[in-house]
Amino acid sequence: MVSERVVQEVLKLDVLDLSEIEAVEALLKWGRAQLEASGHTSSDNTNKLLRDKIDSSLKFIRWSQFNANQFAELCQGEFGSVLSSEERLKIYECIALNQWGSMPAQLAGP
């Protein structure tokens, strides 16, 4: 199983041959695999547990690469349940205004 540190190092790569949407989907897939490996099954708590697993890696997502439509589509899926409504709104606001200084600290790049 790949460690979180390896996932973060891959997400940091400038030559990554993935879109940011694919990077988020891969991060979710990794998080679900981590939960399954630790014996967690689907439950009402799944989104919180998944968020806990991927939380420190979210800051490596290049949010500025999304346009508003891409981000909205991403949030219609599972990822929308992983982020809080405040985080979704703030990211959308940053995308729309192209002003990244007010990004939530837990999501802002290193």
N, C-alpha and C. Protein backbone atom coordinates (compact mmCIF):
# COMPACT_ATOMS: atom_id res chain seq x y z
N MET A 1 0.85 -1.18 0.00
CA MET A 1 0.00 0.00 0.00
C MET A 1 0.89 1.24 0.00
N VAL A 2 0.56 2.21 -0.81
CA VAL A 2 1.32 3.44 -0.93
C VAL A 2 1.04 4.33 0.28
N SER A 3 2.08 4.92 0.82
CA SER A 3 1.92 5.79 1.99
C SER A 3 1.39 7.16 1.59
N GLU A 4 0.89 7.87 2.59
CA GLU A 4 0.38 9.21 2.36
C GLU A 4 1.49 10.14 1.87
N ARG A 5 2.67 9.96 2.37
CA ARG A 5 3.81 10.79 1.95
C ARG A 5 4.08 10.61 0.46
N VAL A 6 3.99 9.38 -0.03
CA VAL A 6 4.20 9.13 -1.46
C VAL A 6 3.10 9.79 -2.28
N VAL A 7 1.86 9.69 -1.82
CA VAL A 7 0.74 10.34 -2.50
C VAL A 7 0.99 11.84 -2.60
N GLN A 8 1.42 12.44 -1.52
CA GLN A 8 1.68 13.88 -1.51
C GLN A 8 2.83 14.25 -2.44
N GLU A 9 3.87 13.44 -2.47
CA GLU A 9 5.00 13.71 -3.37
C GLU A 9 4.56 13.63 -4.83
N VAL A 10 3.70 12.67 -5.15
CA VAL A 10 3.19 12.55 -6.52
C VAL A 10 2.33 13.76 -6.86
N LEU A 11 1.46 14.18 -5.94
CA LEU A 11 0.59 15.34 -6.20
C LEU A 11 1.40 16.62 -6.41
N LYS A 12 2.57 16.69 -5.83
CA LYS A 12 3.42 17.88 -5.95
C LYS A 12 4.12 17.97 -7.31
N LEU A 13 4.20 16.87 -8.03
CA LEU A 13 4.94 16.85 -9.29
C LEU A 13 4.34 17.79 -10.33
N ASP A 14 5.18 18.59 -10.93
CA ASP A 14 4.73 19.50 -11.99
C ASP A 14 4.52 18.76 -13.30
N VAL A 15 5.14 17.62 -13.45
CA VAL A 15 5.05 16.86 -14.70
C VAL A 15 4.00 15.76 -14.63
N LEU A 16 3.13 15.83 -13.66
CA LEU A 16 2.09 14.82 -13.50
C LEU A 16 1.17 14.83 -14.72
N ASP A 17 1.00 13.68 -15.33
CA ASP A 17 0.20 13.59 -16.55
C ASP A 17 -1.26 13.28 -16.20
N LEU A 18 -1.81 14.09 -15.32
CA LEU A 18 -3.20 13.97 -14.88
C LEU A 18 -3.80 15.37 -14.81
N SER A 19 -5.09 15.46 -15.06
CA SER A 19 -5.78 16.71 -14.77
C SER A 19 -5.96 16.79 -13.26
N GLU A 20 -6.28 17.95 -12.76
CA GLU A 20 -6.52 18.07 -11.31
C GLU A 20 -7.76 17.28 -10.90
N ILE A 21 -8.73 17.17 -11.79
CA ILE A 21 -9.90 16.35 -11.50
C ILE A 21 -9.48 14.90 -11.31
N GLU A 22 -8.63 14.41 -12.19
CA GLU A 22 -8.12 13.04 -12.06
C GLU A 22 -7.29 12.88 -10.80
N ALA A 23 -6.55 13.93 -10.42
CA ALA A 23 -5.76 13.88 -9.19
C ALA A 23 -6.67 13.75 -7.98
N VAL A 24 -7.77 14.51 -7.96
CA VAL A 24 -8.73 14.41 -6.85
C VAL A 24 -9.36 13.02 -6.82
N GLU A 25 -9.75 12.51 -7.97
CA GLU A 25 -10.35 11.18 -8.04
C GLU A 25 -9.37 10.11 -7.57
N ALA A 26 -8.10 10.24 -7.95
CA ALA A 26 -7.08 9.30 -7.48
C ALA A 26 -6.88 9.40 -5.97
N LEU A 27 -6.91 10.62 -5.44
CA LEU A 27 -6.78 10.82 -4.00
C LEU A 27 -7.95 10.16 -3.26
N LEU A 28 -9.16 10.33 -3.78
CA LEU A 28 -10.33 9.68 -3.18
C LEU A 28 -10.20 8.17 -3.22
N LYS A 29 -9.75 7.65 -4.34
CA LYS A 29 -9.57 6.19 -4.49
C LYS A 29 -8.54 5.68 -3.48
N TRP A 30 -7.44 6.42 -3.32
CA TRP A 30 -6.42 6.05 -2.35
C TRP A 30 -7.01 6.07 -0.93
N GLY A 31 -7.77 7.11 -0.62
CA GLY A 31 -8.38 7.22 0.70
C GLY A 31 -9.34 6.07 0.99
N ARG A 32 -10.17 5.72 -0.01
CA ARG A 32 -11.09 4.58 0.17
C ARG A 32 -10.32 3.28 0.39
N ALA A 33 -9.23 3.09 -0.35
CA ALA A 33 -8.41 1.89 -0.19
C ALA A 33 -7.79 1.84 1.21
N GLN A 34 -7.37 2.99 1.71
CA GLN A 34 -6.83 3.05 3.07
C GLN A 34 -7.88 2.65 4.10
N LEU A 35 -9.09 3.14 3.91
CA LEU A 35 -10.19 2.80 4.84
C LEU A 35 -10.49 1.31 4.79
N GLU A 36 -10.57 0.75 3.58
CA GLU A 36 -10.84 -0.68 3.44
C GLU A 36 -9.74 -1.51 4.08
N ALA A 37 -8.48 -1.10 3.87
CA ALA A 37 -7.35 -1.84 4.44
C ALA A 37 -7.36 -1.81 5.96
N SER A 38 -7.93 -0.76 6.53
CA SER A 38 -7.99 -0.69 8.00
C SER A 38 -9.29 -1.28 8.54
N GLY A 39 -10.08 -1.91 7.66
CA GLY A 39 -11.26 -2.64 8.11
C GLY A 39 -12.55 -1.86 8.15
N HIS A 40 -12.55 -0.63 7.65
CA HIS A 40 -13.78 0.17 7.63
C HIS A 40 -14.66 -0.25 6.47
N THR A 41 -15.93 -0.36 6.73
CA THR A 41 -16.89 -0.65 5.68
C THR A 41 -17.78 0.57 5.50
N SER A 42 -18.58 0.56 4.46
CA SER A 42 -19.48 1.69 4.22
C SER A 42 -20.38 1.92 5.43
N SER A 43 -20.51 3.17 5.79
CA SER A 43 -21.37 3.55 6.91
C SER A 43 -21.73 5.02 6.75
N ASP A 44 -22.54 5.49 7.65
CA ASP A 44 -22.90 6.91 7.63
C ASP A 44 -21.68 7.79 7.86
N ASN A 45 -20.67 7.22 8.46
CA ASN A 45 -19.45 7.95 8.82
C ASN A 45 -18.41 7.96 7.71
N THR A 46 -18.70 7.31 6.58
CA THR A 46 -17.70 7.11 5.54
C THR A 46 -17.10 8.42 5.05
N ASN A 47 -17.91 9.43 4.79
CA ASN A 47 -17.37 10.69 4.26
C ASN A 47 -16.45 11.37 5.26
N LYS A 48 -16.79 11.31 6.54
CA LYS A 48 -15.92 11.91 7.55
C LYS A 48 -14.61 11.13 7.65
N LEU A 49 -14.71 9.81 7.65
CA LEU A 49 -13.50 8.98 7.71
C LEU A 49 -12.62 9.20 6.49
N LEU A 50 -13.26 9.30 5.32
CA LEU A 50 -12.51 9.55 4.09
C LEU A 50 -11.83 10.91 4.16
N ARG A 51 -12.53 11.91 4.63
CA ARG A 51 -11.93 13.24 4.78
C ARG A 51 -10.73 13.19 5.72
N ASP A 52 -10.89 12.47 6.83
CA ASP A 52 -9.78 12.35 7.77
C ASP A 52 -8.55 11.73 7.11
N LYS A 53 -8.77 10.74 6.24
CA LYS A 53 -7.66 10.05 5.57
C LYS A 53 -6.95 10.96 4.57
N ILE A 54 -7.70 11.77 3.84
CA ILE A 54 -7.10 12.56 2.77
C ILE A 54 -6.83 14.01 3.17
N ASP A 55 -7.21 14.39 4.36
CA ASP A 55 -7.17 15.79 4.78
C ASP A 55 -5.83 16.47 4.54
N SER A 56 -4.74 15.87 4.98
CA SER A 56 -3.45 16.55 4.86
C SER A 56 -2.92 16.55 3.43
N SER A 57 -3.54 15.80 2.54
CA SER A 57 -3.12 15.78 1.14
C SER A 57 -3.90 16.77 0.28
N LEU A 58 -5.01 17.29 0.79
CA LEU A 58 -5.85 18.20 0.01
C LEU A 58 -5.11 19.49 -0.37
N LYS A 59 -4.16 19.90 0.46
CA LYS A 59 -3.43 21.14 0.17
C LYS A 59 -2.51 21.01 -1.04
N PHE A 60 -2.32 19.79 -1.53
CA PHE A 60 -1.48 19.58 -2.71
C PHE A 60 -2.27 19.59 -4.01
N ILE A 61 -3.58 19.72 -3.91
CA ILE A 61 -4.42 19.84 -5.10
C ILE A 61 -4.27 21.27 -5.61
N ARG A 62 -4.11 21.42 -6.89
CA ARG A 62 -3.95 22.75 -7.50
C ARG A 62 -5.33 23.30 -7.84
N TRP A 63 -5.98 23.87 -6.86
CA TRP A 63 -7.35 24.36 -7.01
C TRP A 63 -7.46 25.41 -8.12
N SER A 64 -6.41 26.16 -8.32
CA SER A 64 -6.44 27.22 -9.33
C SER A 64 -6.53 26.66 -10.76
N GLN A 65 -6.33 25.37 -10.92
CA GLN A 65 -6.43 24.74 -12.24
C GLN A 65 -7.87 24.42 -12.63
N PHE A 66 -8.79 24.53 -11.67
CA PHE A 66 -10.20 24.25 -11.95
C PHE A 66 -10.88 25.50 -12.47
N ASN A 67 -11.83 25.29 -13.37
CA ASN A 67 -12.74 26.39 -13.66
C ASN A 67 -14.01 26.12 -12.85
N ALA A 68 -14.91 27.06 -12.82
CA ALA A 68 -16.11 26.94 -11.97
C ALA A 68 -16.94 25.72 -12.33
N ASN A 69 -17.09 25.44 -13.62
CA ASN A 69 -17.89 24.28 -14.03
C ASN A 69 -17.25 22.97 -13.60
N GLN A 70 -15.94 22.86 -13.77
CA GLN A 70 -15.24 21.63 -13.36
C GLN A 70 -15.39 21.39 -11.86
N PHE A 71 -15.22 22.46 -11.09
CA PHE A 71 -15.32 22.31 -9.64
C PHE A 71 -16.74 21.94 -9.24
N ALA A 72 -17.73 22.56 -9.86
CA ALA A 72 -19.13 22.25 -9.55
C ALA A 72 -19.44 20.78 -9.88
N GLU A 73 -18.96 20.31 -11.02
CA GLU A 73 -19.17 18.90 -11.39
C GLU A 73 -18.49 17.96 -10.41
N LEU A 74 -17.29 18.31 -9.99
CA LEU A 74 -16.57 17.49 -9.02
C LEU A 74 -17.35 17.41 -7.71
N CYS A 75 -17.94 18.51 -7.31
CA CYS A 75 -18.68 18.55 -6.04
C CYS A 75 -20.04 17.85 -6.11
N GLN A 76 -20.53 17.56 -7.32
CA GLN A 76 -21.78 16.82 -7.43
C GLN A 76 -21.57 15.35 -7.08
N GLY A 77 -20.35 14.89 -7.14
CA GLY A 77 -20.03 13.51 -6.79
C GLY A 77 -19.66 13.37 -5.33
N GLU A 78 -18.97 12.31 -5.03
CA GLU A 78 -18.57 11.99 -3.66
C GLU A 78 -17.75 13.10 -3.01
N PHE A 79 -16.94 13.77 -3.80
CA PHE A 79 -16.07 14.80 -3.25
C PHE A 79 -16.84 15.93 -2.59
N GLY A 80 -18.02 16.22 -3.12
CA GLY A 80 -18.85 17.26 -2.53
C GLY A 80 -19.23 16.98 -1.10
N SER A 81 -19.30 15.70 -0.75
CA SER A 81 -19.63 15.31 0.63
C SER A 81 -18.41 15.28 1.54
N VAL A 82 -17.24 15.29 0.94
CA VAL A 82 -16.01 15.26 1.72
C VAL A 82 -15.64 16.66 2.20
N LEU A 83 -15.91 17.66 1.36
CA LEU A 83 -15.66 19.04 1.75
C LEU A 83 -16.86 19.60 2.52
N SER A 84 -16.62 20.51 3.41
CA SER A 84 -17.72 21.19 4.09
C SER A 84 -18.35 22.19 3.13
N SER A 85 -19.56 22.62 3.41
CA SER A 85 -20.22 23.60 2.55
C SER A 85 -19.43 24.91 2.54
N GLU A 86 -18.82 25.28 3.66
CA GLU A 86 -18.01 26.49 3.72
C GLU A 86 -16.78 26.36 2.83
N GLU A 87 -16.14 25.18 2.84
CA GLU A 87 -14.97 24.98 2.00
C GLU A 87 -15.34 25.02 0.52
N ARG A 88 -16.45 24.37 0.16
CA ARG A 88 -16.89 24.39 -1.24
C ARG A 88 -17.15 25.82 -1.70
N LEU A 89 -17.84 26.59 -0.87
CA LEU A 89 -18.15 27.97 -1.21
C LEU A 89 -16.88 28.80 -1.36
N LYS A 90 -15.95 28.65 -0.44
CA LYS A 90 -14.71 29.44 -0.48
C LYS A 90 -13.87 29.07 -1.70
N ILE A 91 -13.76 27.79 -2.02
CA ILE A 91 -13.00 27.39 -3.21
C ILE A 91 -13.67 27.95 -4.46
N TYR A 92 -14.98 27.81 -4.53
CA TYR A 92 -15.71 28.33 -5.69
C TYR A 92 -15.51 29.84 -5.82
N GLU A 93 -15.54 30.53 -4.71
CA GLU A 93 -15.32 31.98 -4.69
C GLU A 93 -13.92 32.32 -5.19
N CYS A 94 -12.92 31.57 -4.72
CA CYS A 94 -11.54 31.81 -5.15
C CYS A 94 -11.39 31.56 -6.65
N ILE A 95 -12.04 30.51 -7.15
CA ILE A 95 -11.99 30.21 -8.58
C ILE A 95 -12.65 31.35 -9.36
N ALA A 96 -13.84 31.74 -8.95
CA ALA A 96 -14.60 32.76 -9.68
C ALA A 96 -13.89 34.10 -9.71
N LEU A 97 -13.27 34.47 -8.60
CA LEU A 97 -12.61 35.77 -8.49
C LEU A 97 -11.12 35.72 -8.83
N ASN A 98 -10.59 34.49 -8.97
CA ASN A 98 -9.17 34.27 -9.21
C ASN A 98 -8.33 35.00 -8.15
N GLN A 99 -8.79 34.88 -6.90
CA GLN A 99 -8.09 35.45 -5.75
C GLN A 99 -7.89 34.33 -4.73
N TRP A 100 -6.66 33.93 -4.58
CA TRP A 100 -6.37 32.73 -3.80
C TRP A 100 -5.89 33.02 -2.39
N GLY A 101 -5.79 34.26 -2.01
CA GLY A 101 -5.31 34.62 -0.67
C GLY A 101 -6.26 34.24 0.45
N SER A 102 -7.55 34.04 0.13
CA SER A 102 -8.51 33.72 1.18
C SER A 102 -8.85 32.23 1.21
N MET A 103 -8.04 31.42 0.58
CA MET A 103 -8.25 29.97 0.58
C MET A 103 -8.15 29.45 2.02
N PRO A 104 -9.03 28.54 2.43
CA PRO A 104 -8.92 27.96 3.77
C PRO A 104 -7.54 27.33 3.98
N ALA A 105 -6.96 27.57 5.12
CA ALA A 105 -5.58 27.12 5.40
C ALA A 105 -5.38 25.63 5.16
N GLN A 106 -6.37 24.81 5.52
CA GLN A 106 -6.22 23.37 5.37
C GLN A 106 -6.23 22.92 3.92
N LEU A 107 -6.62 23.83 2.99
CA LEU A 107 -6.67 23.50 1.58
C LEU A 107 -5.63 24.26 0.77
N ALA A 108 -5.01 25.25 1.36
CA ALA A 108 -4.02 26.07 0.65
C ALA A 108 -2.72 25.31 0.51
N GLY A 109 -2.11 25.45 -0.64
CA GLY A 109 -0.85 24.76 -0.92
C GLY A 109 0.26 25.15 0.03
N PRO A 110 1.24 24.27 0.10
CA PRO A 110 2.38 24.53 1.00
C PRO A 110 3.23 25.70 0.55
